[in-house]
Protein backbone atom coordinates (compact mmCIF):
# COMPACT_ATOMS: atom_id res chain seq x y z
CA MET A 1 17.17 32.86 67.04
CA TYR A 2 18.26 29.45 65.93
CA LYS A 3 20.17 28.16 62.94
CA VAL A 4 18.60 24.73 62.48
CA VAL A 5 19.69 21.85 60.24
CA PHE A 6 17.34 19.02 59.35
CA VAL A 7 19.23 15.89 58.33
CA GLY A 8 17.57 13.19 56.28
CA SER A 9 18.87 9.91 54.88
CA ASN A 10 19.07 10.28 51.11
CA PRO A 11 16.86 11.30 48.18
CA SER A 12 14.03 9.07 47.09
CA GLN A 13 14.21 7.45 43.67
CA ARG A 14 10.94 9.25 42.92
CA SER A 15 12.47 12.65 43.61
CA GLN A 16 13.01 14.81 40.56
CA SER A 17 16.21 16.17 42.09
CA VAL A 18 18.92 15.08 44.51
CA VAL A 19 18.35 18.32 46.42
CA PRO A 20 17.55 17.40 50.03
CA PHE A 21 13.83 17.58 50.71
CA TRP A 22 12.90 18.56 47.14
CA HIS A 23 9.80 20.77 47.30
CA ASP A 24 7.60 18.21 45.53
CA ALA A 25 8.67 15.32 47.75
CA ARG A 26 6.26 14.01 50.37
CA SER A 27 8.95 14.35 53.06
CA SER A 28 9.40 18.02 52.24
CA LYS A 29 5.68 18.74 52.50
CA ILE A 30 5.46 16.96 55.87
CA LEU A 31 8.52 18.77 57.22
CA CYS A 32 7.17 22.16 56.12
CA LYS A 33 3.90 21.45 57.96
CA TRP A 34 5.85 20.55 61.13
CA ILE A 35 7.87 23.76 60.97
CA GLN A 36 4.75 25.84 60.35
CA ARG A 37 3.01 24.17 63.28
CA VAL A 38 5.92 24.90 65.63
CA GLN A 39 5.90 28.55 64.59
CA GLU A 40 2.13 28.83 65.02
CA GLU A 41 2.08 27.16 68.44
CA ASP A 42 5.05 28.95 69.97
CA GLN A 43 5.72 32.49 68.77
CA THR A 44 8.91 32.61 70.84
CA VAL A 45 10.61 30.04 68.60
CA LEU A 46 12.49 32.12 66.07
CA PHE A 47 14.58 30.66 63.29
CA GLU A 48 17.54 32.58 61.93
CA SER A 49 17.80 30.05 59.13
CA LEU A 50 16.68 26.55 58.23
CA HIS A 51 18.94 24.14 56.33
CA TYR A 52 18.19 20.76 54.81
CA ILE A 53 20.84 18.15 54.11
CA ASN A 54 21.01 14.42 53.58
CA VAL A 55 23.54 11.91 54.83
CA SER A 56 23.95 10.77 51.20
CA ASN A 57 23.09 12.54 47.97
CA SER A 58 22.44 9.28 46.13
CA PRO A 59 19.15 7.40 45.95
CA THR A 60 19.30 3.69 46.81
CA PRO A 61 17.71 0.89 44.78
CA GLY A 62 14.13 0.41 45.88
CA ASN A 63 14.58 3.26 48.37
CA ARG A 64 16.22 0.83 50.79
CA PRO A 65 17.93 2.28 53.88
CA LEU A 66 21.61 3.11 53.62
CA THR A 67 23.93 0.33 54.74
CA ALA A 68 26.44 0.82 57.56
CA SER A 69 29.30 1.07 55.04
CA GLU A 70 27.38 3.65 52.96
CA ILE A 71 26.75 5.73 56.09
CA GLN A 72 30.41 5.43 57.09
CA ALA A 73 31.52 6.65 53.65
CA CYS A 74 29.33 9.76 54.04
CA LEU A 75 30.52 10.83 57.51
CA ASN A 76 33.37 13.14 56.45
CA PRO A 77 31.34 14.97 53.78
CA LEU A 78 28.46 15.29 56.27
CA ALA A 79 30.74 16.72 58.96
CA ASN A 80 32.19 19.18 56.44
CA LYS A 81 28.69 20.37 55.45
CA LEU A 82 27.88 20.96 59.09
CA PHE A 83 31.12 22.21 60.62
CA GLY A 84 33.82 22.42 57.95
CA TYR A 85 35.23 25.57 56.42
CA GLY A 86 32.19 27.45 55.19
CA GLY A 87 29.91 24.91 56.88
CA ILE A 88 26.57 25.72 58.41
CA VAL A 89 27.64 25.56 62.10
CA PRO A 90 24.09 25.06 63.39
CA ASP A 91 22.63 25.77 66.82
CA LYS A 92 20.33 22.76 66.53
CA ILE A 93 20.49 19.57 64.45
CA VAL A 94 17.37 17.49 63.91
CA ALA A 95 17.81 13.91 62.70
CA LEU A 96 14.88 12.81 60.55
CA GLY A 97 14.85 9.03 60.75
CA LYS A 98 17.05 6.22 61.97
CA THR A 99 19.68 6.56 59.25
CA ALA A 100 20.26 10.23 60.00
CA GLU A 101 20.30 9.50 63.73
CA LYS A 102 22.90 6.76 63.24
CA ALA A 103 25.13 8.97 61.05
CA LEU A 104 24.97 11.87 63.50
CA THR A 105 25.68 9.58 66.45
CA LEU A 106 28.77 8.19 64.71
């Protein structure tokens, strides 16, 4: 069983909430379909828990990608969410997009 964290960039300006992958957001619907498909295609993949976080909790003007300095400013809070005291401590981390990949690589 896996504890999996999906990491996105930041909330869309269109999102009704800053909650990562808000249930009405397009990204959330796509991600849920992917997870469902994995579970349907491979019954041996068992999830203990699924977590959804963003690099930043703030939307950007025009939904532009986060800048390098914005990503850098989010690294400590991101690390604390993942591995800090009371953090998730996941078995698997999935970066959803280039911004998340860059933050997790740093």
